[in-house]
Amino acid sequence: MDLAQMAGWFAAGAAIIAMLQKSDLRLKQGLIIHTVLYGIHFALLGLPTAVISCVIALARISLSIYTRSLLCAAVLIISVATALTVSRSTVEILPLAASVVLTLSLFRFDGIKLRLGLLAGSVLWLIHNIYVQSWGGICLEACFCLSTLWGLWTMVQEQNENSKKEVCP
């Protein structure tokens, strides 16, 4: 296995662990580790647009821990737009579209809505990774989607149990 694919597999593991967290803060901290590894993976594959998207993601996740400012989100979305200038094909736009979805989700949502936004961004990355044949990335995003769905399911179950307790003492 080459170094690029190994970094992709490590990124996959970090993403799965992050998505299983119920705490939004722990989720975001895990996503920082995942994003660094993912950026290394794409750099080793020679995919500059995906690397730029990861750098933007790293800034986005880090900032979203400290602020929910729409101004910060707008600046990050504008930086995504400038990354379009290095895009060489239509499929390279998918990580950038994912960046927009993820930026809005991280800055504006929490709980279930946050995870739904993460799921949407992950689906865009999955399509990209299938096209560029990033095996670690495909596994990462498929597992990311599954672990996000599992996390959503457990959160909904927990909400349902809590609402039953409030209605029936």
Protein backbone atom coordinates (compact mmCIF):
# COMPACT_ATOMS: atom_id res chain seq x y z
CA MET A 1 0.00 0.00 0.00
CA ASP A 2 1.43 3.37 -0.91
CA LEU A 3 1.76 6.31 1.46
CA ALA A 4 -1.09 8.29 -0.14
CA GLN A 5 -3.62 5.49 0.36
CA MET A 6 -2.34 4.85 3.89
CA ALA A 7 -3.02 8.49 4.80
CA GLY A 8 -6.52 8.05 3.36
CA TRP A 9 -7.13 5.01 5.56
CA PHE A 10 -5.94 6.87 8.67
CA ALA A 11 -8.22 9.77 7.74
CA ALA A 12 -11.09 7.29 7.46
CA GLY A 13 -10.44 5.96 10.95
CA ALA A 14 -10.27 9.45 12.44
CA ALA A 15 -13.54 10.41 10.73
CA ILE A 16 -15.38 7.36 12.02
CA ILE A 17 -14.25 7.99 15.57
CA ALA A 18 -15.25 11.67 15.25
CA MET A 19 -18.73 10.94 13.91
CA LEU A 20 -19.54 8.57 16.75
CA GLN A 21 -19.17 11.40 19.27
CA LYS A 22 -22.38 12.80 20.75
CA SER A 23 -20.67 16.00 21.89
CA ASP A 24 -20.48 18.63 19.13
CA LEU A 25 -17.11 19.84 20.51
CA ARG A 26 -15.56 16.36 20.49
CA LEU A 27 -16.99 15.81 17.00
CA LYS A 28 -15.29 18.97 15.73
CA GLN A 29 -11.99 18.14 17.44
CA GLY A 30 -12.00 14.72 15.79
CA LEU A 31 -12.81 16.31 12.44
CA ILE A 32 -9.71 18.49 12.74
CA ILE A 33 -7.51 15.39 12.97
CA HIS A 34 -9.42 13.79 10.10
CA THR A 35 -9.02 16.87 7.91
CA VAL A 36 -5.26 17.09 8.39
CA LEU A 37 -4.87 13.44 7.39
CA TYR A 38 -7.27 13.87 4.47
CA GLY A 39 -5.28 16.87 3.20
CA ILE A 40 -2.07 14.85 3.33
CA HIS A 41 -3.82 12.06 1.42
CA PHE A 42 -4.91 14.38 -1.39
CA ALA A 43 -1.54 16.15 -1.51
CA LEU A 44 0.16 12.80 -2.03
CA LEU A 45 -2.37 11.98 -4.77
CA GLY A 46 -1.54 15.30 -6.51
CA LEU A 47 -5.04 16.80 -6.23
CA PRO A 48 -4.52 20.52 -5.46
CA THR A 49 -8.21 21.49 -5.43
CA ALA A 50 -8.99 18.81 -2.86
CA VAL A 51 -5.99 19.96 -0.77
CA ILE A 52 -7.23 23.56 -0.86
CA SER A 53 -10.64 22.33 0.17
CA CYS A 54 -9.07 20.53 3.14
CA VAL A 55 -7.14 23.65 4.19
CA ILE A 56 -10.37 25.63 4.07
CA ALA A 57 -12.08 22.84 6.01
CA LEU A 58 -9.41 22.96 8.69
CA ALA A 59 -9.98 26.71 9.11
CA ARG A 60 -13.74 26.21 9.02
CA ILE A 61 -13.83 23.52 11.68
CA SER A 62 -11.36 25.33 13.95
CA LEU A 63 -13.23 28.63 13.73
CA SER A 64 -16.63 26.99 14.20
CA ILE A 65 -15.51 25.79 17.64
CA TYR A 66 -15.19 29.42 18.77
CA THR A 67 -17.81 31.32 16.76
CA ARG A 68 -21.07 30.94 14.85
CA SER A 69 -20.52 34.18 12.97
CA LEU A 70 -22.09 34.46 9.53
CA LEU A 71 -19.25 36.82 8.60
CA CYS A 72 -16.68 34.06 9.20
CA ALA A 73 -18.80 31.63 7.21
CA ALA A 74 -19.07 34.14 4.34
CA VAL A 75 -15.30 34.67 4.25
CA LEU A 76 -14.75 30.92 4.06
CA ILE A 77 -17.34 30.53 1.30
CA ILE A 78 -15.61 33.31 -0.68
CA SER A 79 -12.30 31.48 -0.26
CA VAL A 80 -13.99 28.37 -1.64
CA ALA A 81 -15.07 30.40 -4.67
CA THR A 82 -11.47 31.49 -5.29
CA ALA A 83 -10.43 27.83 -5.22
CA LEU A 84 -12.52 27.37 -8.36
CA THR A 85 -9.69 29.04 -10.28
CA VAL A 86 -7.47 25.97 -9.83
CA SER A 87 -10.20 23.49 -10.76
CA ARG A 88 -9.28 21.46 -13.83
CA SER A 89 -12.52 19.51 -14.25
CA THR A 90 -16.15 19.45 -13.25
CA VAL A 91 -15.59 16.71 -10.66
CA GLU A 92 -13.13 18.95 -8.80
CA ILE A 93 -16.03 21.27 -8.02
CA LEU A 94 -17.60 18.62 -5.77
CA PRO A 95 -15.18 19.13 -2.83
CA LEU A 96 -15.77 22.86 -3.13
CA ALA A 97 -19.55 22.39 -3.08
CA ALA A 98 -19.08 20.13 -0.06
CA SER A 99 -17.06 22.93 1.59
CA VAL A 100 -19.95 25.36 1.20
CA VAL A 101 -22.46 22.88 2.66
CA LEU A 102 -20.11 21.99 5.51
CA THR A 103 -19.28 25.62 6.28
CA LEU A 104 -22.93 26.56 6.63
CA SER A 105 -23.61 23.44 8.70
CA LEU A 106 -20.69 23.94 11.10
CA PHE A 107 -21.38 27.63 11.67
CA ARG A 108 -25.15 27.61 11.83
CA PHE A 109 -26.32 24.23 13.11
CA ASP A 110 -25.88 21.90 16.04
CA GLY A 111 -27.11 18.46 17.02
CA ILE A 112 -29.15 16.65 14.40
CA LYS A 113 -29.10 19.50 11.85
CA LEU A 114 -25.30 19.68 12.09
CA ARG A 115 -25.00 15.98 11.39
CA LEU A 116 -27.42 16.16 8.43
CA GLY A 117 -25.22 18.89 6.91
CA LEU A 118 -22.13 16.75 7.51
CA LEU A 119 -23.88 13.85 5.79
CA ALA A 120 -24.70 15.99 2.72
CA GLY A 121 -21.09 17.19 2.46
CA SER A 122 -19.85 13.65 2.85
CA VAL A 123 -22.01 12.43 -0.03
CA LEU A 124 -20.44 15.06 -2.30
CA TRP A 125 -16.95 13.95 -1.21
CA LEU A 126 -17.92 10.31 -1.80
CA ILE A 127 -18.88 11.02 -5.40
CA HIS A 128 -15.58 12.88 -5.91
CA ASN A 129 -13.53 10.07 -4.38
CA ILE A 130 -15.20 7.42 -6.52
CA TYR A 131 -14.32 9.44 -9.62
CA VAL A 132 -10.64 9.99 -8.65
CA GLN A 133 -10.30 6.41 -7.34
CA SER A 134 -9.26 7.40 -3.85
CA TRP A 135 -9.77 4.03 -2.16
CA GLY A 136 -9.13 5.30 1.35
CA GLY A 137 -11.32 8.30 0.61
CA ILE A 138 -14.13 6.08 -0.69
CA CYS A 139 -13.97 3.96 2.44
CA LEU A 140 -13.70 7.08 4.59
CA GLU A 141 -16.76 8.76 3.14
CA ALA A 142 -18.82 5.55 3.03
CA CYS A 143 -17.99 4.90 6.68
CA PHE A 144 -18.48 8.59 7.46
CA CYS A 145 -21.98 8.39 5.96
CA LEU A 146 -22.78 5.20 7.87
CA SER A 147 -21.41 6.47 11.18
CA THR A 148 -23.25 9.77 10.71
CA LEU A 149 -26.48 7.89 10.07
CA TRP A 150 -25.82 5.75 13.17
CA GLY A 151 -25.13 8.86 15.25
CA LEU A 152 -28.31 10.49 13.92
CA TRP A 153 -30.33 7.39 14.71
CA THR A 154 -29.06 7.24 18.29
CA MET A 155 -29.69 10.95 18.79
CA VAL A 156 -33.26 10.64 17.49
CA GLN A 157 -33.85 7.59 19.70
CA GLU A 158 -32.53 9.52 22.69
CA GLN A 159 -34.80 12.48 21.88
CA ASN A 160 -37.80 10.17 21.56
CA GLU A 161 -37.04 8.56 24.94
CA ASN A 162 -36.65 11.97 26.57
CA SER A 163 -39.91 13.24 25.11
CA LYS A 164 -41.73 10.11 26.35
CA LYS A 165 -40.36 10.72 29.85
CA GLU A 166 -41.65 14.30 29.78
CA VAL A 167 -45.13 13.26 28.61
CA CYS A 168 -45.53 10.18 30.82
CA PRO A 169 -44.17 10.75 34.33
